[in-house]
Amino acid sequence: MPRKRKATAAETEQNEKKFRSALDDAASEFMCSITQALPVDPVMAQDGHIYERVAIEEWIAKGNGKSPMTGK
C-alpha cells in the first residue's frame, strides 16, 4: 500500500482556511438575524428562518408584523 505524502505547511494552511470558511457558512445559516448571534433557544418562524426565541417574541410583541429576514 503506497504511503501518503505529508502535506506542506501551505497546503495545511489552505485546508484550515477551507474548513473555517465552511464552518462560518454553516454557522451563518443558523445565526439569528435579530441578535446577530447563534441562538441559545432557537425557533423556526413561518418564514423558514431560525431566530432566538426571546428576540422573535419581542419582535412580534412590538408590532413588527413582517419577517426580519424577508420583510414579508
PDB file of N, CA and C in Angstrom:
ATOM      1  N   MET A   1       0.842  -1.167   0.000  1.00  0.00           N
ATOM      2  CA  MET A   1       0.000   0.000   0.000  1.00  0.00           C
ATOM      3  C   MET A   1       0.900   1.246   0.000  1.00  0.00           C
ATOM      4  N   PRO A   2       0.650   2.187  -0.934  1.00  0.00           N
ATOM      5  CA  PRO A   2       1.500   3.372  -1.005  1.00  0.00           C
ATOM      6  C   PRO A   2       1.289   4.284   0.202  1.00  0.00           C
ATOM      7  N   ARG A   3       2.371   4.916   0.585  1.00  0.00           N
ATOM      8  CA  ARG A   3       2.310   5.845   1.713  1.00  0.00           C
ATOM      9  C   ARG A   3       1.765   7.185   1.266  1.00  0.00           C
ATOM     10  N   LYS A   4       1.004   7.825   2.169  1.00  0.00           N
ATOM     11  CA  LYS A   4       0.533   9.171   1.888  1.00  0.00           C
ATOM     12  C   LYS A   4       1.683  10.141   2.112  1.00  0.00           C
ATOM     13  N   ARG A   5       1.776  11.124   1.250  1.00  0.00           N
ATOM     14  CA  ARG A   5       2.808  12.123   1.468  1.00  0.00           C
ATOM     15  C   ARG A   5       2.303  13.122   2.490  1.00  0.00           C
ATOM     16  N   LYS A   6       3.212  13.690   3.219  1.00  0.00           N
ATOM     17  CA  LYS A   6       2.851  14.655   4.251  1.00  0.00           C
ATOM     18  C   LYS A   6       2.542  15.993   3.590  1.00  0.00           C
ATOM     19  N   ALA A   7       1.458  16.628   4.032  1.00  0.00           N
ATOM     20  CA  ALA A   7       1.048  17.916   3.467  1.00  0.00           C
ATOM     21  C   ALA A   7       2.062  18.994   3.834  1.00  0.00           C
ATOM     22  N   THR A   8       2.264  19.899   2.913  1.00  0.00           N
ATOM     23  CA  THR A   8       3.155  21.020   3.180  1.00  0.00           C
ATOM     24  C   THR A   8       2.444  22.016   4.085  1.00  0.00           C
ATOM     25  N   ALA A   9       3.193  22.943   4.649  1.00  0.00           N
ATOM     26  CA  ALA A   9       2.617  23.965   5.524  1.00  0.00           C
ATOM     27  C   ALA A   9       1.588  24.797   4.758  1.00  0.00           C
ATOM     28  N   ALA A  10       1.864  25.104   3.503  1.00  0.00           N
ATOM     29  CA  ALA A  10       0.945  25.896   2.688  1.00  0.00           C
ATOM     30  C   ALA A  10      -0.351  25.131   2.441  1.00  0.00           C
ATOM     31  N   GLU A  11      -0.240  23.837   2.167  1.00  0.00           N
ATOM     32  CA  GLU A  11      -1.429  23.019   1.947  1.00  0.00           C
ATOM     33  C   GLU A  11      -2.255  22.900   3.231  1.00  0.00           C
ATOM     34  N   THR A  12      -1.573  22.733   4.348  1.00  0.00           N
ATOM     35  CA  THR A  12      -2.263  22.651   5.631  1.00  0.00           C
ATOM     36  C   THR A  12      -3.001  23.948   5.924  1.00  0.00           C
ATOM     37  N   GLU A  13      -2.344  25.072   5.686  1.00  0.00           N
ATOM     38  CA  GLU A  13      -2.970  26.379   5.913  1.00  0.00           C
ATOM     39  C   GLU A  13      -4.178  26.566   4.994  1.00  0.00           C
ATOM     40  N   GLN A  14      -4.046  26.158   3.741  1.00  0.00           N
ATOM     41  CA  GLN A  14      -5.144  26.275   2.780  1.00  0.00           C
ATOM     42  C   GLN A  14      -6.330  25.412   3.225  1.00  0.00           C
ATOM     43  N   ASN A  15      -6.064  24.200   3.690  1.00  0.00           N
ATOM     44  CA  ASN A  15      -7.133  23.314   4.170  1.00  0.00           C
ATOM     45  C   ASN A  15      -7.821  23.903   5.402  1.00  0.00           C
ATOM     46  N   GLU A  16      -7.035  24.482   6.313  1.00  0.00           N
ATOM     47  CA  GLU A  16      -7.615  25.105   7.504  1.00  0.00           C
ATOM     48  C   GLU A  16      -8.522  26.265   7.119  1.00  0.00           C
ATOM     49  N   LYS A  17      -8.129  27.047   6.121  1.00  0.00           N
ATOM     50  CA  LYS A  17      -8.957  28.158   5.652  1.00  0.00           C
ATOM     51  C   LYS A  17     -10.265  27.635   5.068  1.00  0.00           C
ATOM     52  N   LYS A  18     -10.195  26.536   4.319  1.00  0.00           N
ATOM     53  CA  LYS A  18     -11.405  25.939   3.738  1.00  0.00           C
ATOM     54  C   LYS A  18     -12.348  25.465   4.835  1.00  0.00           C
ATOM     55  N   PHE A  19     -11.795  24.793   5.855  1.00  0.00           N
ATOM     56  CA  PHE A  19     -12.619  24.303   6.962  1.00  0.00           C
ATOM     57  C   PHE A  19     -13.258  25.464   7.713  1.00  0.00           C
ATOM     58  N   ARG A  20     -12.476  26.516   7.998  1.00  0.00           N
ATOM     59  CA  ARG A  20     -13.013  27.682   8.696  1.00  0.00           C
ATOM     60  C   ARG A  20     -14.134  28.331   7.894  1.00  0.00           C
ATOM     61  N   SER A  21     -13.926  28.436   6.599  1.00  0.00           N
ATOM     62  CA  SER A  21     -14.929  29.030   5.726  1.00  0.00           C
ATOM     63  C   SER A  21     -16.217  28.201   5.727  1.00  0.00           C
ATOM     64  N   ALA A  22     -16.062  26.894   5.658  1.00  0.00           N
ATOM     65  CA  ALA A  22     -17.234  26.007   5.671  1.00  0.00           C
ATOM     66  C   ALA A  22     -17.984  26.120   6.997  1.00  0.00           C
ATOM     67  N   LEU A  23     -17.250  26.185   8.103  1.00  0.00           N
ATOM     68  CA  LEU A  23     -17.891  26.337   9.413  1.00  0.00           C
ATOM     69  C   LEU A  23     -18.594  27.683   9.524  1.00  0.00           C
ATOM     70  N   ASP A  24     -17.953  28.738   9.039  1.00  0.00           N
ATOM     71  CA  ASP A  24     -18.577  30.068   9.067  1.00  0.00           C
ATOM     72  C   ASP A  24     -19.860  30.080   8.248  1.00  0.00           C
ATOM     73  N   ASP A  25     -19.816  29.453   7.072  1.00  0.00           N
ATOM     74  CA  ASP A  25     -21.012  29.392   6.223  1.00  0.00           C
ATOM     75  C   ASP A  25     -22.129  28.624   6.916  1.00  0.00           C
ATOM     76  N   ALA A  26     -21.790  27.507   7.540  1.00  0.00           N
ATOM     77  CA  ALA A  26     -22.796  26.706   8.235  1.00  0.00           C
ATOM     78  C   ALA A  26     -23.368  27.482   9.419  1.00  0.00           C
ATOM     79  N   ALA A  27     -22.511  28.130  10.182  1.00  0.00           N
ATOM     80  CA  ALA A  27     -22.973  28.892  11.343  1.00  0.00           C
ATOM     81  C   ALA A  27     -23.868  30.046  10.914  1.00  0.00           C
ATOM     82  N   SER A  28     -23.556  30.675   9.794  1.00  0.00           N
ATOM     83  CA  SER A  28     -24.367  31.813   9.351  1.00  0.00           C
ATOM     84  C   SER A  28     -25.790  31.397   9.001  1.00  0.00           C
ATOM     85  N   GLU A  29     -25.981  30.138   8.618  1.00  0.00           N
ATOM     86  CA  GLU A  29     -27.320  29.628   8.318  1.00  0.00           C
ATOM     87  C   GLU A  29     -28.201  29.621   9.564  1.00  0.00           C
ATOM     88  N   PHE A  30     -27.573  29.480  10.731  1.00  0.00           N
ATOM     89  CA  PHE A  30     -28.321  29.384  11.978  1.00  0.00           C
ATOM     90  C   PHE A  30     -28.280  30.670  12.797  1.00  0.00           C
ATOM     91  N   MET A  31     -27.590  31.686  12.309  1.00  0.00           N
ATOM     92  CA  MET A  31     -27.453  32.952  13.021  1.00  0.00           C
ATOM     93  C   MET A  31     -28.798  33.667  13.084  1.00  0.00           C
ATOM     94  N   CYS A  32     -29.134  34.164  14.248  1.00  0.00           N
ATOM     95  CA  CYS A  32     -30.363  34.945  14.411  1.00  0.00           C
ATOM     96  C   CYS A  32     -30.128  36.316  13.799  1.00  0.00           C
ATOM     97  N   SER A  33     -30.980  36.713  12.869  1.00  0.00           N
ATOM     98  CA  SER A  33     -30.791  37.998  12.193  1.00  0.00           C
ATOM     99  C   SER A  33     -31.124  39.181  13.104  1.00  0.00           C
ATOM    100  N   ILE A  34     -31.800  38.924  14.203  1.00  0.00           N
ATOM    101  CA  ILE A  34     -32.137  39.998  15.136  1.00  0.00           C
ATOM    102  C   ILE A  34     -30.982  40.250  16.099  1.00  0.00           C
ATOM    103  N   THR A  35     -30.456  39.185  16.704  1.00  0.00           N
ATOM    104  CA  THR A  35     -29.397  39.323  17.704  1.00  0.00           C
ATOM    105  C   THR A  35     -27.997  39.258  17.099  1.00  0.00           C
ATOM    106  N   GLN A  36     -27.896  38.760  15.869  1.00  0.00           N
ATOM    107  CA  GLN A  36     -26.605  38.554  15.205  1.00  0.00           C
ATOM    108  C   GLN A  36     -25.710  37.593  15.985  1.00  0.00           C
ATOM    109  N   ALA A  37     -26.333  36.594  16.614  1.00  0.00           N
ATOM    110  CA  ALA A  37     -25.604  35.579  17.372  1.00  0.00           C
ATOM    111  C   ALA A  37     -26.275  34.229  17.148  1.00  0.00           C
ATOM    112  N   LEU A  38     -25.544  33.170  17.464  1.00  0.00           N
ATOM    113  CA  LEU A  38     -26.147  31.846  17.400  1.00  0.00           C
ATOM    114  C   LEU A  38     -27.161  31.742  18.529  1.00  0.00           C
ATOM    115  N   PRO A  39     -28.382  31.319  18.257  1.00  0.00           N
ATOM    116  CA  PRO A  39     -29.416  31.261  19.285  1.00  0.00           C
ATOM    117  C   PRO A  39     -29.143  30.184  20.325  1.00  0.00           C
ATOM    118  N   VAL A  40     -29.454  30.524  21.577  1.00  0.00           N
ATOM    119  CA  VAL A  40     -29.370  29.565  22.665  1.00  0.00           C
ATOM    120  C   VAL A  40     -30.659  28.751  22.716  1.00  0.00           C
ATOM    121  N   ASP A  41     -31.777  29.424  22.422  1.00  0.00           N
ATOM    122  CA  ASP A  41     -33.090  28.782  22.394  1.00  0.00           C
ATOM    123  C   ASP A  41     -33.699  29.040  21.013  1.00  0.00           C
ATOM    124  N   PRO A  42     -33.245  28.302  19.992  1.00  0.00           N
ATOM    125  CA  PRO A  42     -33.671  28.586  18.622  1.00  0.00           C
ATOM    126  C   PRO A  42     -35.096  28.137  18.316  1.00  0.00           C
ATOM    127  N   VAL A  43     -35.754  28.939  17.488  1.00  0.00           N
ATOM    128  CA  VAL A  43     -37.069  28.573  16.959  1.00  0.00           C
ATOM    129  C   VAL A  43     -37.088  28.906  15.474  1.00  0.00           C
ATOM    130  N   MET A  44     -37.863  28.138  14.718  1.00  0.00           N
ATOM    131  CA  MET A  44     -38.009  28.429  13.301  1.00  0.00           C
ATOM    132  C   MET A  44     -39.356  29.123  13.100  1.00  0.00           C
ATOM    133  N   ALA A  45     -39.318  30.288  12.515  1.00  0.00           N
ATOM    134  CA  ALA A  45     -40.536  31.052  12.267  1.00  0.00           C
ATOM    135  C   ALA A  45     -41.183  30.595  10.962  1.00  0.00           C
ATOM    136  N   GLN A  46     -42.356  31.149  10.676  1.00  0.00           N
ATOM    137  CA  GLN A  46     -43.087  30.774   9.465  1.00  0.00           C
ATOM    138  C   GLN A  46     -42.316  31.120   8.197  1.00  0.00           C
ATOM    139  N   ASP A  47     -41.363  32.060   8.302  1.00  0.00           N
ATOM    140  CA  ASP A  47     -40.574  32.429   7.121  1.00  0.00           C
ATOM    141  C   ASP A  47     -39.473  31.416   6.821  1.00  0.00           C
ATOM    142  N   GLY A  48     -39.344  30.392   7.691  1.00  0.00           N
ATOM    143  CA  GLY A  48     -38.352  29.346   7.482  1.00  0.00           C
ATOM    144  C   GLY A  48     -36.981  29.679   8.035  1.00  0.00           C
ATOM    145  N   HIS A  49     -36.841  30.818   8.709  1.00  0.00           N
ATOM    146  CA  HIS A  49     -35.559  31.213   9.281  1.00  0.00           C
ATOM    147  C   HIS A  49     -35.544  30.938  10.779  1.00  0.00           C
ATOM    148  N   ILE A  50     -34.338  30.778  11.307  1.00  0.00           N
ATOM    149  CA  ILE A  50     -34.162  30.465  12.721  1.00  0.00           C
ATOM    150  C   ILE A  50     -33.845  31.744  13.480  1.00  0.00           C
ATOM    151  N   TYR A  51     -34.496  31.893  14.638  1.00  0.00           N
ATOM    152  CA  TYR A  51     -34.311  33.070  15.483  1.00  0.00           C
ATOM    153  C   TYR A  51     -34.138  32.649  16.933  1.00  0.00           C
ATOM    154  N   GLU A  52     -33.562  33.530  17.727  1.00  0.00           N
ATOM    155  CA  GLU A  52     -33.557  33.365  19.174  1.00  0.00           C
ATOM    156  C   GLU A  52     -34.999  33.570  19.635  1.00  0.00           C
ATOM    157  N   ARG A  53     -35.526  32.651  20.421  1.00  0.00           N
ATOM    158  CA  ARG A  53     -36.933  32.683  20.823  1.00  0.00           C
ATOM    159  C   ARG A  53     -37.322  34.034  21.429  1.00  0.00           C
ATOM    160  N   VAL A  54     -36.571  34.514  22.400  1.00  0.00           N
ATOM    161  CA  VAL A  54     -36.907  35.778  23.067  1.00  0.00           C
ATOM    162  C   VAL A  54     -36.878  36.936  22.073  1.00  0.00           C
ATOM    163  N   ALA A  55     -35.911  36.950  21.175  1.00  0.00           N
ATOM    164  CA  ALA A  55     -35.781  38.050  20.214  1.00  0.00           C
ATOM    165  C   ALA A  55     -36.962  38.102  19.251  1.00  0.00           C
ATOM    166  N   ILE A  56     -37.387  36.959  18.728  1.00  0.00           N
ATOM    167  CA  ILE A  56     -38.509  36.974  17.777  1.00  0.00           C
ATOM    168  C   ILE A  56     -39.820  37.247  18.509  1.00  0.00           C
ATOM    169  N   GLU A  57     -39.939  36.784  19.770  1.00  0.00           N
ATOM    170  CA  GLU A  57     -41.146  37.100  20.545  1.00  0.00           C
ATOM    171  C   GLU A  57     -41.240  38.609  20.792  1.00  0.00           C
ATOM    172  N   GLU A  58     -40.119  39.245  21.127  1.00  0.00           N
ATOM    173  CA  GLU A  58     -40.102  40.699  21.330  1.00  0.00           C
ATOM    174  C   GLU A  58     -40.401  41.422  20.016  1.00  0.00           C
ATOM    175  N   TRP A  59     -39.847  40.915  18.924  1.00  0.00           N
ATOM    176  CA  TRP A  59     -40.073  41.493  17.592  1.00  0.00           C
ATOM    177  C   TRP A  59     -41.567  41.529  17.277  1.00  0.00           C
ATOM    178  N   ILE A  60     -42.224  40.415  17.516  1.00  0.00           N
ATOM    179  CA  ILE A  60     -43.657  40.305  17.248  1.00  0.00           C
ATOM    180  C   ILE A  60     -44.449  41.177  18.218  1.00  0.00           C
ATOM    181  N   ALA A  61     -44.074  41.175  19.508  1.00  0.00           N
ATOM    182  CA  ALA A  61     -44.783  41.955  20.525  1.00  0.00           C
ATOM    183  C   ALA A  61     -44.729  43.454  20.238  1.00  0.00           C
ATOM    184  N   LYS A  62     -43.656  43.905  19.586  1.00  0.00           N
ATOM    185  CA  LYS A  62     -43.515  45.327  19.248  1.00  0.00           C
ATOM    186  C   LYS A  62     -44.356  45.710  18.046  1.00  0.00           C
ATOM    187  N   GLY A  63     -45.090  44.763  17.507  1.00  0.00           N
ATOM    188  CA  GLY A  63     -45.972  45.051  16.380  1.00  0.00           C
ATOM    189  C   GLY A  63     -45.313  44.930  15.029  1.00  0.00           C
ATOM    190  N   ASN A  64     -44.131  44.359  14.995  1.00  0.00           N
ATOM    191  CA  ASN A  64     -43.457  44.111  13.715  1.00  0.00           C
ATOM    192  C   ASN A  64     -44.112  42.901  13.079  1.00  0.00           C
ATOM    193  N   GLY A  65     -44.996  43.135  12.155  1.00  0.00           N
ATOM    194  CA  GLY A  65     -45.726  42.049  11.524  1.00  0.00           C
ATOM    195  C   GLY A  65     -45.022  41.435  10.331  1.00  0.00           C
ATOM    196  N   LYS A  66     -43.807  41.900  10.069  1.00  0.00           N
ATOM    197  CA  LYS A  66     -43.068  41.388   8.915  1.00  0.00           C
ATOM    198  C   LYS A  66     -41.834  40.626   9.376  1.00  0.00           C
ATOM    199  N   SER A  67     -41.423  39.690   8.567  1.00  0.00           N
ATOM    200  CA  SER A  67     -40.245  38.894   8.862  1.00  0.00           C
ATOM    201  C   SER A  67     -38.992  39.766   8.891  1.00  0.00           C
ATOM    202  N   PRO A  68     -38.138  39.590   9.883  1.00  0.00           N
ATOM    203  CA  PRO A  68     -36.886  40.330   9.909  1.00  0.00           C
ATOM    204  C   PRO A  68     -35.969  39.992   8.714  1.00  0.00           C
ATOM    205  N   MET A  69     -36.146  38.795   8.176  1.00  0.00           N
ATOM    206  CA  MET A  69     -35.282  38.364   7.062  1.00  0.00           C
ATOM    207  C   MET A  69     -35.859  38.705   5.696  1.00  0.00           C
ATOM    208  N   THR A  70     -37.150  38.483   5.521  1.00  0.00           N
ATOM    209  CA  THR A  70     -37.736  38.638   4.184  1.00  0.00           C
ATOM    210  C   THR A  70     -38.531  39.918   4.014  1.00  0.00           C
ATOM    211  N   GLY A  71     -38.949  40.510   5.126  1.00  0.00           N
ATOM    212  CA  GLY A  71     -39.766  41.707   5.037  1.00  0.00           C
ATOM    213  C   GLY A  71     -41.203  41.438   4.626  1.00  0.00           C
ATOM    214  N   LYS A  72     -41.584  40.175   4.614  1.00  0.00           N
ATOM    215  CA  LYS A  72     -42.946  39.789   4.210  1.00  0.00           C
ATOM    216  C   LYS A  72     -43.759  39.409   5.415  1.00  0.00           C
TER     217      LYS A  72
END
